[in-house]
PDB file of N, CA and C in Angstrom:
ATOM      1  N   MET A   1      -2.098  27.557   5.227  1.00  0.00           N
ATOM      2  CA  MET A   1      -1.591  26.162   6.184  1.00  0.00           C
ATOM      3  C   MET A   1      -0.156  25.717   5.942  1.00  0.00           C
ATOM      4  N   SER A   2       0.886  25.107   6.439  1.00  0.00           N
ATOM      5  CA  SER A   2       1.835  24.884   6.318  1.00  0.00           C
ATOM      6  C   SER A   2       1.859  23.501   5.571  1.00  0.00           C
ATOM      7  N   LYS A   3       2.648  22.935   4.940  1.00  0.00           N
ATOM      8  CA  LYS A   3       2.894  21.644   4.560  1.00  0.00           C
ATOM      9  C   LYS A   3       2.811  20.673   5.775  1.00  0.00           C
ATOM     10  N   ASP A   4       3.654  21.135   6.903  1.00  0.00           N
ATOM     11  CA  ASP A   4       3.516  20.068   7.853  1.00  0.00           C
ATOM     12  C   ASP A   4       2.340  19.932   8.310  1.00  0.00           C
ATOM     13  N   THR A   5       1.571  20.678   8.691  1.00  0.00           N
ATOM     14  CA  THR A   5       0.319  20.547   9.083  1.00  0.00           C
ATOM     15  C   THR A   5      -0.824  20.040   8.280  1.00  0.00           C
ATOM     16  N   LEU A   6      -0.622  20.151   6.861  1.00  0.00           N
ATOM     17  CA  LEU A   6      -1.580  19.508   6.222  1.00  0.00           C
ATOM     18  C   LEU A   6      -1.043  17.923   5.807  1.00  0.00           C
ATOM     19  N   PHE A   7      -0.002  17.987   5.989  1.00  0.00           N
ATOM     20  CA  PHE A   7       0.782  16.209   5.871  1.00  0.00           C
ATOM     21  C   PHE A   7      -0.186  15.927   7.334  1.00  0.00           C
ATOM     22  N   ALA A   8       0.273  16.330   8.334  1.00  0.00           N
ATOM     23  CA  ALA A   8      -0.417  15.667   9.680  1.00  0.00           C
ATOM     24  C   ALA A   8      -1.916  15.478   9.540  1.00  0.00           C
ATOM     25  N   LEU A   9      -2.323  16.550   8.966  1.00  0.00           N
ATOM     26  CA  LEU A   9      -3.922  16.341   8.852  1.00  0.00           C
ATOM     27  C   LEU A   9      -4.292  15.297   7.379  1.00  0.00           C
ATOM     28  N   SER A  10      -3.561  15.108   7.147  1.00  0.00           N
ATOM     29  CA  SER A  10      -3.962  14.317   5.930  1.00  0.00           C
ATOM     30  C   SER A  10      -3.798  12.617   6.277  1.00  0.00           C
ATOM     31  N   LEU A  11      -3.337  12.131   7.509  1.00  0.00           N
ATOM     32  CA  LEU A  11      -3.069  10.985   8.101  1.00  0.00           C
ATOM     33  C   LEU A  11      -4.671  10.646   8.652  1.00  0.00           C
ATOM     34  N   PHE A  12      -5.280  11.263   8.998  1.00  0.00           N
ATOM     35  CA  PHE A  12      -6.984  11.028   9.747  1.00  0.00           C
ATOM     36  C   PHE A  12      -7.725  10.469   8.917  1.00  0.00           C
ATOM     37  N   PRO A  13      -8.212  11.293   7.156  1.00  0.00           N
ATOM     38  CA  PRO A  13      -8.555  10.426   6.363  1.00  0.00           C
ATOM     39  C   PRO A  13      -8.177   9.369   6.068  1.00  0.00           C
ATOM     40  N   TYR A  14      -6.487   8.652   6.097  1.00  0.00           N
ATOM     41  CA  TYR A  14      -6.016   7.557   5.437  1.00  0.00           C
ATOM     42  C   TYR A  14      -6.393   6.561   6.577  1.00  0.00           C
ATOM     43  N   LEU A  15      -6.233   7.179   7.525  1.00  0.00           N
ATOM     44  CA  LEU A  15      -6.470   6.106   9.127  1.00  0.00           C
ATOM     45  C   LEU A  15      -8.180   5.484   8.622  1.00  0.00           C
ATOM     46  N   GLY A  16      -8.947   6.555   8.276  1.00  0.00           N
ATOM     47  CA  GLY A  16     -10.543   6.496   8.339  1.00  0.00           C
ATOM     48  C   GLY A  16     -10.462   4.921   7.257  1.00  0.00           C
ATOM     49  N   PHE A  17      -9.704   5.608   5.913  1.00  0.00           N
ATOM     50  CA  PHE A  17      -9.740   4.519   4.693  1.00  0.00           C
ATOM     51  C   PHE A  17      -9.118   3.183   5.206  1.00  0.00           C
ATOM     52  N   LEU A  18      -8.054   3.133   5.869  1.00  0.00           N
ATOM     53  CA  LEU A  18      -7.384   1.709   6.144  1.00  0.00           C
ATOM     54  C   LEU A  18      -8.772   1.338   7.393  1.00  0.00           C
ATOM     55  N   TRP A  19      -9.285   1.978   8.144  1.00  0.00           N
ATOM     56  CA  TRP A  19     -10.304   1.449   8.743  1.00  0.00           C
ATOM     57  C   TRP A  19     -11.463   0.611   7.882  1.00  0.00           C
ATOM     58  N   PHE A  20     -12.105   1.268   7.489  1.00  0.00           N
ATOM     59  CA  PHE A  20     -13.574   0.853   6.550  1.00  0.00           C
ATOM     60  C   PHE A  20     -12.801  -0.265   5.639  1.00  0.00           C
ATOM     61  N   LEU A  21     -11.831  -0.017   4.921  1.00  0.00           N
ATOM     62  CA  LEU A  21     -10.835  -1.060   4.219  1.00  0.00           C
ATOM     63  C   LEU A  21     -10.724  -2.561   4.975  1.00  0.00           C
ATOM     64  N   THR A  22      -9.960  -2.168   5.939  1.00  0.00           N
ATOM     65  CA  THR A  22     -10.064  -3.820   6.601  1.00  0.00           C
ATOM     66  C   THR A  22     -11.451  -4.130   7.327  1.00  0.00           C
ATOM     67  N   ARG A  23     -12.512  -3.091   7.771  1.00  0.00           N
ATOM     68  CA  ARG A  23     -13.492  -3.949   8.183  1.00  0.00           C
ATOM     69  C   ARG A  23     -14.714  -4.661   6.974  1.00  0.00           C
ATOM     70  N   SER A  24     -14.419  -4.001   5.581  1.00  0.00           N
ATOM     71  CA  SER A  24     -14.931  -4.552   4.843  1.00  0.00           C
ATOM     72  C   SER A  24     -14.663  -6.318   4.412  1.00  0.00           C
ATOM     73  N   ARG A  25     -13.443  -6.408   4.606  1.00  0.00           N
ATOM     74  CA  ARG A  25     -12.809  -7.640   4.397  1.00  0.00           C
ATOM     75  C   ARG A  25     -13.106  -8.030   2.607  1.00  0.00           C
ATOM     76  N   LEU A  26     -12.566  -6.890   2.004  1.00  0.00           N
ATOM     77  CA  LEU A  26     -12.650  -7.262   0.695  1.00  0.00           C
ATOM     78  C   LEU A  26     -11.800  -6.792  -0.179  1.00  0.00           C
ATOM     79  N   ALA A  27     -10.703  -6.517   0.369  1.00  0.00           N
ATOM     80  CA  ALA A  27      -9.333  -5.850  -0.120  1.00  0.00           C
ATOM     81  C   ALA A  27      -8.643  -7.220   0.062  1.00  0.00           C
ATOM     82  N   PRO A  28      -7.976  -7.367  -1.050  1.00  0.00           N
ATOM     83  CA  PRO A  28      -6.715  -8.713  -1.341  1.00  0.00           C
ATOM     84  C   PRO A  28      -5.782  -8.383  -0.177  1.00  0.00           C
ATOM     85  N   ARG A  29      -5.614  -9.346   1.333  1.00  0.00           N
ATOM     86  CA  ARG A  29      -4.966  -9.154   2.148  1.00  0.00           C
ATOM     87  C   ARG A  29      -3.207  -8.789   2.111  1.00  0.00           C
ATOM     88  N   LEU A  30      -2.588  -8.890   1.022  1.00  0.00           N
ATOM     89  CA  LEU A  30      -1.268  -8.530   0.437  1.00  0.00           C
ATOM     90  C   LEU A  30      -1.565  -7.370   0.244  1.00  0.00           C
ATOM     91  N   ALA A  31      -2.549  -6.947  -0.626  1.00  0.00           N
ATOM     92  CA  ALA A  31      -2.616  -5.410  -0.713  1.00  0.00           C
ATOM     93  C   ALA A  31      -2.798  -4.798   0.592  1.00  0.00           C
ATOM     94  N   LEU A  32      -3.715  -4.874   1.188  1.00  0.00           N
ATOM     95  CA  LEU A  32      -4.064  -4.304   2.270  1.00  0.00           C
ATOM     96  C   LEU A  32      -2.585  -4.299   3.528  1.00  0.00           C
ATOM     97  N   ILE A  33      -1.935  -5.181   3.566  1.00  0.00           N
ATOM     98  CA  ILE A  33      -0.374  -5.159   4.380  1.00  0.00           C
ATOM     99  C   ILE A  33       0.263  -3.748   3.521  1.00  0.00           C
ATOM    100  N   GLY A  34       0.088  -3.691   1.974  1.00  0.00           N
ATOM    101  CA  GLY A  34       0.990  -2.856   1.345  1.00  0.00           C
ATOM    102  C   GLY A  34       0.400  -1.452   1.645  1.00  0.00           C
ATOM    103  N   PHE A  35      -1.242  -1.538   2.133  1.00  0.00           N
ATOM    104  CA  PHE A  35      -1.576  -0.088   2.501  1.00  0.00           C
ATOM    105  C   PHE A  35      -0.940   0.007   4.121  1.00  0.00           C
ATOM    106  N   TYR A  36      -1.292  -0.925   5.014  1.00  0.00           N
ATOM    107  CA  TYR A  36      -0.498  -0.590   6.145  1.00  0.00           C
ATOM    108  C   TYR A  36       0.653  -0.252   6.183  1.00  0.00           C
ATOM    109  N   MET A  37       1.442  -0.673   5.242  1.00  0.00           N
ATOM    110  CA  MET A  37       2.897  -0.403   4.992  1.00  0.00           C
ATOM    111  C   MET A  37       3.294   1.194   4.750  1.00  0.00           C
ATOM    112  N   THR A  38       2.243   1.779   3.946  1.00  0.00           N
ATOM    113  CA  THR A  38       2.137   3.262   4.020  1.00  0.00           C
ATOM    114  C   THR A  38       2.602   3.799   5.273  1.00  0.00           C
ATOM    115  N   LEU A  39       2.049   3.534   5.989  1.00  0.00           N
ATOM    116  CA  LEU A  39       1.946   4.208   7.812  1.00  0.00           C
ATOM    117  C   LEU A  39       3.523   3.850   8.176  1.00  0.00           C
ATOM    118  N   VAL A  40       4.075   3.161   7.788  1.00  0.00           N
ATOM    119  CA  VAL A  40       5.479   2.451   7.829  1.00  0.00           C
ATOM    120  C   VAL A  40       6.797   3.350   7.445  1.00  0.00           C
ATOM    121  N   PHE A  41       6.291   3.738   6.420  1.00  0.00           N
ATOM    122  CA  PHE A  41       6.988   5.067   5.481  1.00  0.00           C
ATOM    123  C   PHE A  41       7.047   6.518   6.252  1.00  0.00           C
ATOM    124  N   VAL A  42       5.499   6.259   6.881  1.00  0.00           N
ATOM    125  CA  VAL A  42       5.267   7.766   7.355  1.00  0.00           C
ATOM    126  C   VAL A  42       6.026   7.594   8.724  1.00  0.00           C
ATOM    127  N   ALA A  43       5.603   6.596   9.543  1.00  0.00           N
ATOM    128  CA  ALA A  43       6.818   6.619  10.382  1.00  0.00           C
ATOM    129  C   ALA A  43       8.232   6.685  10.515  1.00  0.00           C
ATOM    130  N   VAL A  44       8.821   6.003   9.365  1.00  0.00           N
ATOM    131  CA  VAL A  44      10.412   6.142   9.262  1.00  0.00           C
ATOM    132  C   VAL A  44      10.743   7.293   8.557  1.00  0.00           C
ATOM    133  N   THR A  45       9.838   8.363   7.674  1.00  0.00           N
ATOM    134  CA  THR A  45       9.975   9.455   7.201  1.00  0.00           C
ATOM    135  C   THR A  45      10.308  10.745   7.813  1.00  0.00           C
ATOM    136  N   ILE A  46       9.431  11.066   8.896  1.00  0.00           N
ATOM    137  CA  ILE A  46       9.430  11.846   9.907  1.00  0.00           C
ATOM    138  C   ILE A  46      10.809  11.985  10.973  1.00  0.00           C
ATOM    139  N   PRO A  47      11.279  10.950  11.112  1.00  0.00           N
ATOM    140  CA  PRO A  47      12.557  10.941  12.000  1.00  0.00           C
ATOM    141  C   PRO A  47      13.179  11.632  11.129  1.00  0.00           C
ATOM    142  N   ALA A  48      13.491  10.578   9.913  1.00  0.00           N
ATOM    143  CA  ALA A  48      14.225  10.654   9.064  1.00  0.00           C
ATOM    144  C   ALA A  48      14.726  12.133   8.946  1.00  0.00           C
ATOM    145  N   GLY A  49      13.299  12.476   8.268  1.00  0.00           N
ATOM    146  CA  GLY A  49      13.343  14.221   8.189  1.00  0.00           C
ATOM    147  C   GLY A  49      14.361  14.904   9.477  1.00  0.00           C
ATOM    148  N   ILE A  50      13.643  14.888  10.733  1.00  0.00           N
ATOM    149  CA  ILE A  50      14.151  15.424  11.363  1.00  0.00           C
ATOM    150  C   ILE A  50      15.649  15.653  11.715  1.00  0.00           C
ATOM    151  N   TYR A  51      16.354  14.063  11.633  1.00  0.00           N
ATOM    152  CA  TYR A  51      17.833  13.605  11.597  1.00  0.00           C
ATOM    153  C   TYR A  51      18.219  14.493  10.736  1.00  0.00           C
ATOM    154  N   ALA A  52      17.680  14.746   9.253  1.00  0.00           N
ATOM    155  CA  ALA A  52      18.188  15.297   8.517  1.00  0.00           C
ATOM    156  C   ALA A  52      18.858  16.909   8.639  1.00  0.00           C
ATOM    157  N   LYS A  53      17.705  17.451   9.226  1.00  0.00           N
ATOM    158  CA  LYS A  53      17.650  18.772   9.606  1.00  0.00           C
ATOM    159  C   LYS A  53      18.624  18.639  10.805  1.00  0.00           C
ATOM    160  N   VAL A  54      18.691  18.106  11.592  1.00  0.00           N
ATOM    161  CA  VAL A  54      19.404  18.578  12.973  1.00  0.00           C
ATOM    162  C   VAL A  54      21.151  18.002  12.764  1.00  0.00           C
ATOM    163  N   ALA A  55      21.239  16.894  12.154  1.00  0.00           N
ATOM    164  CA  ALA A  55      22.853  16.358  11.408  1.00  0.00           C
ATOM    165  C   ALA A  55      23.210  17.279  10.771  1.00  0.00           C
ATOM    166  N   TYR A  56      22.159  17.612   9.580  1.00  0.00           N
ATOM    167  CA  TYR A  56      23.071  17.895   8.297  1.00  0.00           C
ATOM    168  C   TYR A  56      22.277  19.518   7.776  1.00  0.00           C
ATOM    169  N   GLY A  57      21.452  19.942   8.811  1.00  0.00           N
ATOM    170  CA  GLY A  57      21.369  21.203   8.374  1.00  0.00           C
ATOM    171  C   GLY A  57      20.551  21.197   7.207  1.00  0.00           C
ATOM    172  N   LYS A  58      19.936  20.379   6.243  1.00  0.00           N
ATOM    173  CA  LYS A  58      19.193  20.366   4.983  1.00  0.00           C
ATOM    174  C   LYS A  58      17.597  19.446   5.420  1.00  0.00           C
ATOM    175  N   GLN A  59      16.861  19.665   4.563  1.00  0.00           N
ATOM    176  CA  GLN A  59      15.917  19.192   4.355  1.00  0.00           C
ATOM    177  C   GLN A  59      15.942  17.629   3.927  1.00  0.00           C
ATOM    178  N   LEU A  60      15.008  16.555   4.201  1.00  0.00           N
ATOM    179  CA  LEU A  60      15.116  15.437   3.831  1.00  0.00           C
ATOM    180  C   LEU A  60      15.558  15.066   2.463  1.00  0.00           C
ATOM    181  N   ALA A  61      14.916  15.979   1.525  1.00  0.00           N
ATOM    182  CA  ALA A  61      14.890  15.529   0.277  1.00  0.00           C
ATOM    183  C   ALA A  61      16.610  15.767  -0.439  1.00  0.00           C
ATOM    184  N   ASP A  62      17.099  16.423   0.866  1.00  0.00           N
ATOM    185  CA  ASP A  62      18.329  17.038   0.309  1.00  0.00           C
ATOM    186  C   ASP A  62      19.458  15.927   0.685  1.00  0.00           C
ATOM    187  N   VAL A  63      19.366  15.369   1.082  1.00  0.00           N
ATOM    188  CA  VAL A  63      20.126  14.356   1.705  1.00  0.00           C
ATOM    189  C   VAL A  63      20.236  12.958   1.107  1.00  0.00           C
ATOM    190  N   ASP A  64      20.653  12.467   0.120  1.00  0.00           N
ATOM    191  CA  ASP A  64      20.049  11.411  -0.779  1.00  0.00           C
ATOM    192  C   ASP A  64      19.988  10.037  -0.093  1.00  0.00           C
ATOM    193  N   TRP A  65      21.114   9.742   0.765  1.00  0.00           N
ATOM    194  CA  TRP A  65      20.926   8.552   1.379  1.00  0.00           C
ATOM    195  C   TRP A  65      19.984   8.194   2.460  1.00  0.00           C
ATOM    196  N   LEU A  66      19.907   9.320   2.701  1.00  0.00           N
ATOM    197  CA  LEU A  66      18.530   9.192   3.892  1.00  0.00           C
ATOM    198  C   LEU A  66      17.036   9.206   3.436  1.00  0.00           C
ATOM    199  N   HIS A  67      16.776   9.794   2.049  1.00  0.00           N
ATOM    200  CA  HIS A  67      15.784   9.910   1.496  1.00  0.00           C
ATOM    201  C   HIS A  67      15.593   9.081   0.800  1.00  0.00           C
ATOM    202  N   GLY A  68      16.836   8.481   0.068  1.00  0.00           N
ATOM    203  CA  GLY A  68      16.421   6.801  -0.745  1.00  0.00           C
ATOM    204  C   GLY A  68      15.755   5.934   0.378  1.00  0.00           C
ATOM    205  N   SER A  69      16.456   5.474   1.805  1.00  0.00           N
ATOM    206  CA  SER A  69      16.433   4.942   2.570  1.00  0.00           C
ATOM    207  C   SER A  69      14.521   5.050   3.079  1.00  0.00           C
ATOM    208  N   ALA A  70      14.262   6.028   3.079  1.00  0.00           N
ATOM    209  CA  ALA A  70      13.125   5.972   3.538  1.00  0.00           C
ATOM    210  C   ALA A  70      12.074   5.845   2.591  1.00  0.00           C
ATOM    211  N   GLU A  71      12.446   6.271   1.469  1.00  0.00           N
ATOM    212  CA  GLU A  71      11.450   6.442   0.150  1.00  0.00           C
ATOM    213  C   GLU A  71      11.392   4.643  -0.168  1.00  0.00           C
ATOM    214  N   PHE A  72      12.374   3.833   0.283  1.00  0.00           N
ATOM    215  CA  PHE A  72      11.963   2.565   0.045  1.00  0.00           C
ATOM    216  C   PHE A  72      11.008   1.757   0.878  1.00  0.00           C
ATOM    217  N   PHE A  73      10.437   2.079   1.813  1.00  0.00           N
ATOM    218  CA  PHE A  73       9.243   1.930   2.349  1.00  0.00           C
ATOM    219  C   PHE A  73       7.862   2.427   1.306  1.00  0.00           C
ATOM    220  N   LEU A  74       8.125   3.180   1.182  1.00  0.00           N
ATOM    221  CA  LEU A  74       6.946   4.046   0.294  1.00  0.00           C
ATOM    222  C   LEU A  74       7.024   2.609  -1.028  1.00  0.00           C
ATOM    223  N   THR A  75       8.174   2.487  -1.737  1.00  0.00           N
ATOM    224  CA  THR A  75       8.068   1.386  -2.694  1.00  0.00           C
ATOM    225  C   THR A  75       7.981   0.361  -2.467  1.00  0.00           C
ATOM    226  N   LEU A  76       8.578  -0.328  -1.371  1.00  0.00           N
ATOM    227  CA  LEU A  76       7.930  -1.598  -0.766  1.00  0.00           C
ATOM    228  C   LEU A  76       5.804  -1.375  -0.679  1.00  0.00           C
ATOM    229  N   SER A  77       5.950  -0.608  -0.027  1.00  0.00           N
ATOM    230  CA  SER A  77       4.222  -0.264   0.465  1.00  0.00           C
ATOM    231  C   SER A  77       3.351  -0.398  -1.278  1.00  0.00           C
ATOM    232  N   ASN A  78       4.216   0.135  -2.101  1.00  0.00           N
ATOM    233  CA  ASN A  78       3.363   0.011  -3.460  1.00  0.00           C
ATOM    234  C   ASN A  78       3.495  -1.304  -4.220  1.00  0.00           C
ATOM    235  N   ILE A  79       4.614  -2.170  -4.004  1.00  0.00           N
ATOM    236  CA  ILE A  79       4.653  -2.878  -4.748  1.00  0.00           C
ATOM    237  C   ILE A  79       3.761  -4.120  -4.185  1.00  0.00           C
ATOM    238  N   LEU A  80       3.680  -4.234  -2.964  1.00  0.00           N
ATOM    239  CA  LEU A  80       2.922  -4.872  -1.981  1.00  0.00           C
ATOM    240  C   LEU A  80       1.165  -4.817  -2.263  1.00  0.00           C
ATOM    241  N   VAL A  81       0.861  -3.924  -2.526  1.00  0.00           N
ATOM    242  CA  VAL A  81      -0.352  -3.312  -3.035  1.00  0.00           C
ATOM    243  C   VAL A  81      -0.701  -3.683  -4.530  1.00  0.00           C
ATOM    244  N   VAL A  82       0.306  -3.670  -5.212  1.00  0.00           N
ATOM    245  CA  VAL A  82       0.144  -4.024  -6.707  1.00  0.00           C
ATOM    246  C   VAL A  82       0.020  -5.188  -6.584  1.00  0.00           C
ATOM    247  N   LEU A  83       0.935  -6.614  -5.531  1.00  0.00           N
ATOM    248  CA  LEU A  83       1.422  -7.595  -5.976  1.00  0.00           C
ATOM    249  C   LEU A  83      -0.010  -8.211  -5.592  1.00  0.00           C
ATOM    250  N   GLY A  84      -0.726  -7.685  -4.311  1.00  0.00           N
ATOM    251  CA  GLY A  84      -2.250  -8.230  -3.811  1.00  0.00           C
ATOM    252  C   GLY A  84      -3.393  -8.262  -5.057  1.00  0.00           C
ATOM    253  N   PHE A  85      -3.614  -7.082  -5.328  1.00  0.00           N
ATOM    254  CA  PHE A  85      -4.478  -6.869  -6.291  1.00  0.00           C
ATOM    255  C   PHE A  85      -4.140  -7.845  -7.531  1.00  0.00           C
ATOM    256  N   ARG A  86      -2.981  -7.903  -7.898  1.00  0.00           N
ATOM    257  CA  ARG A  86      -2.794  -8.954  -9.441  1.00  0.00           C
ATOM    258  C   ARG A  86      -2.942  -9.870  -8.586  1.00  0.00           C
ATOM    259  N   GLN A  87      -2.682 -10.754  -7.789  1.00  0.00           N
ATOM    260  CA  GLN A  87      -2.951 -12.061  -7.155  1.00  0.00           C
ATOM    261  C   GLN A  87      -4.595 -12.042  -7.543  1.00  0.00           C
ATOM    262  N   ALA A  88      -5.277 -11.178  -6.707  1.00  0.00           N
ATOM    263  CA  ALA A  88      -6.680 -11.484  -6.547  1.00  0.00           C
ATOM    264  C   ALA A  88      -7.553 -11.254  -8.179  1.00  0.00           C
ATOM    265  N   ILE A  89      -6.545 -10.659  -9.122  1.00  0.00           N
ATOM    266  CA  ILE A  89      -6.962 -10.766 -10.562  1.00  0.00           C
ATOM    267  C   ILE A  89      -7.098 -12.022 -10.783  1.00  0.00           C
ATOM    268  N   ALA A  90      -6.091 -12.419 -10.773  1.00  0.00           N
ATOM    269  CA  ALA A  90      -5.224 -14.029 -11.046  1.00  0.00           C
ATOM    270  C   ALA A  90      -6.601 -14.820 -10.470  1.00  0.00           C
ATOM    271  N   ASP A  91      -6.935 -14.924  -9.166  1.00  0.00           N
ATOM    272  CA  ASP A  91      -7.611 -15.909  -8.583  1.00  0.00           C
ATOM    273  C   ASP A  91      -8.862 -16.028  -9.133  1.00  0.00           C
ATOM    274  N   TYR A  92      -9.403 -14.505  -9.458  1.00  0.00           N
ATOM    275  CA  TYR A  92     -10.460 -14.181  -9.986  1.00  0.00           C
ATOM    276  C   TYR A  92     -10.620 -15.115 -11.368  1.00  0.00           C
ATOM    277  N   LYS A  93      -9.886 -14.796 -12.097  1.00  0.00           N
ATOM    278  CA  LYS A  93      -9.625 -15.209 -13.892  1.00  0.00           C
ATOM    279  C   LYS A  93      -9.777 -16.762 -13.692  1.00  0.00           C
ATOM    280  N   ALA A  94      -8.907 -17.190 -12.873  1.00  0.00           N
ATOM    281  CA  ALA A  94      -9.280 -18.975 -12.523  1.00  0.00           C
ATOM    282  C   ALA A  94     -10.343 -19.513 -12.226  1.00  0.00           C
ATOM    283  N   SER A  95     -11.147 -18.456 -11.254  1.00  0.00           N
ATOM    284  CA  SER A  95     -12.333 -18.915 -10.747  1.00  0.00           C
ATOM    285  C   SER A  95     -13.563 -18.986 -11.827  1.00  0.00           C
ATOM    286  N   GLN A  96     -12.783 -17.956 -12.809  1.00  0.00           N
ATOM    287  CA  GLN A  96     -14.165 -17.824 -13.988  1.00  0.00           C
ATOM    288  C   GLN A  96     -14.056 -19.118 -15.009  1.00  0.00           C
ATOM    289  N   THR A  97     -12.224 -19.260 -14.793  1.00  0.00           N
ATOM    290  CA  THR A  97     -12.142 -20.467 -15.959  1.00  0.00           C
ATOM    291  C   THR A  97     -12.763 -21.525 -15.422  1.00  0.00           C
ATOM    292  N   SER A  98     -12.514 -21.970 -14.375  1.00  0.00           N
ATOM    293  CA  SER A  98     -12.914 -23.025 -13.848  1.00  0.00           C
ATOM    294  C   SER A  98     -14.402 -23.420 -13.726  1.00  0.00           C
ATOM    295  N   GLU A  99     -15.050 -22.123 -13.532  1.00  0.00           N
ATOM    296  CA  GLU A  99     -16.958 -21.982 -13.515  1.00  0.00           C
ATOM    297  C   GLU A  99     -17.341 -22.588 -14.779  1.00  0.00           C
ATOM    298  N   LEU A 100     -16.477 -21.680 -15.890  1.00  0.00           N
ATOM    299  CA  LEU A 100     -17.112 -21.957 -17.355  1.00  0.00           C
ATOM    300  C   LEU A 100     -16.885 -23.391 -17.662  1.00  0.00           C
ATOM    301  N   GLN A 101     -15.215 -24.264 -17.043  1.00  0.00           N
ATOM    302  CA  GLN A 101     -15.255 -25.226 -17.814  1.00  0.00           C
ATOM    303  C   GLN A 101     -15.911 -26.365 -16.754  1.00  0.00           C
ATOM    304  N   GLY A 102     -16.942 -25.924 -15.933  1.00  0.00           N
ATOM    305  CA  GLY A 102     -18.141 -26.702 -15.100  1.00  0.00           C
ATOM    306  C   GLY A 102     -19.003 -26.695 -15.670  1.00  0.00           C
ATOM    307  N   GLU A 103     -19.307 -25.986 -16.497  1.00  0.00           N
ATOM    308  CA  GLU A 103     -20.455 -25.719 -17.209  1.00  0.00           C
ATOM    309  C   GLU A 103     -20.620 -26.577 -17.996  1.00  0.00           C
ATOM    310  N   ARG A 104     -19.124 -26.404 -18.753  1.00  0.00           N
ATOM    311  CA  ARG A 104     -19.189 -27.198 -20.434  1.00  0.00           C
ATOM    312  C   ARG A 104     -19.135 -28.971 -20.318  1.00  0.00           C
ATOM    313  N   SER A 105     -18.451 -29.154 -18.665  1.00  0.00           N
ATOM    314  CA  SER A 105     -18.771 -30.518 -18.188  1.00  0.00           C
ATOM    315  C   SER A 105     -20.370 -30.869 -18.136  1.00  0.00           C
ATOM    316  N   LEU A 106     -20.970 -30.026 -17.385  1.00  0.00           N
ATOM    317  CA  LEU A 106     -22.591 -30.258 -17.446  1.00  0.00           C
ATOM    318  C   LEU A 106     -23.287 -30.341 -18.467  1.00  0.00           C
ATOM    319  N   LYS A 107     -22.887 -29.537 -19.765  1.00  0.00           N
ATOM    320  CA  LYS A 107     -23.222 -29.720 -21.049  1.00  0.00           C
ATOM    321  C   LYS A 107     -23.218 -30.811 -21.715  1.00  0.00           C
ATOM    322  N   SER A 108     -22.039 -31.547 -21.688  1.00  0.00           N
ATOM    323  CA  SER A 108     -21.589 -32.624 -22.531  1.00  0.00           C
ATOM    324  C   SER A 108     -22.148 -33.672 -21.411  1.00  0.00           C
ATOM    325  N   VAL A 109     -22.514 -33.894 -20.426  1.00  0.00           N
ATOM    326  CA  VAL A 109     -23.113 -34.743 -19.917  1.00  0.00           C
ATOM    327  C   VAL A 109     -24.411 -35.078 -20.334  1.00  0.00           C
ATOM    328  N   GLU A 110     -25.171 -33.869 -20.044  1.00  0.00           N
ATOM    329  CA  GLU A 110     -26.575 -33.890 -21.228  1.00  0.00           C
ATOM    330  C   GLU A 110     -26.744 -34.605 -22.039  1.00  0.00           C
TER     331      GLU A 110
END
């Protein structure tokens, strides 16, 4: 099986992952946007690879400016995923702290 075929087939499980993650409504919104941005990376990488082959006769990885431009979208998606989960962890910790402070207030009233 060629790498191109494998790449194309890998989109289906990823789309399923996105579908279930979106329907679950459990993922932080920013992280979910980051996961969707991975599709933007794929959408940019495919034409960039074709352009590299046609214009330069090389693979995308061998045309630095084009490869770097395409990889920017993967970097952006990763940053969004990390920031989304970081915010979710911070929100969870804040809710735990306020809940703990609320319990302490109730005990001091008793």
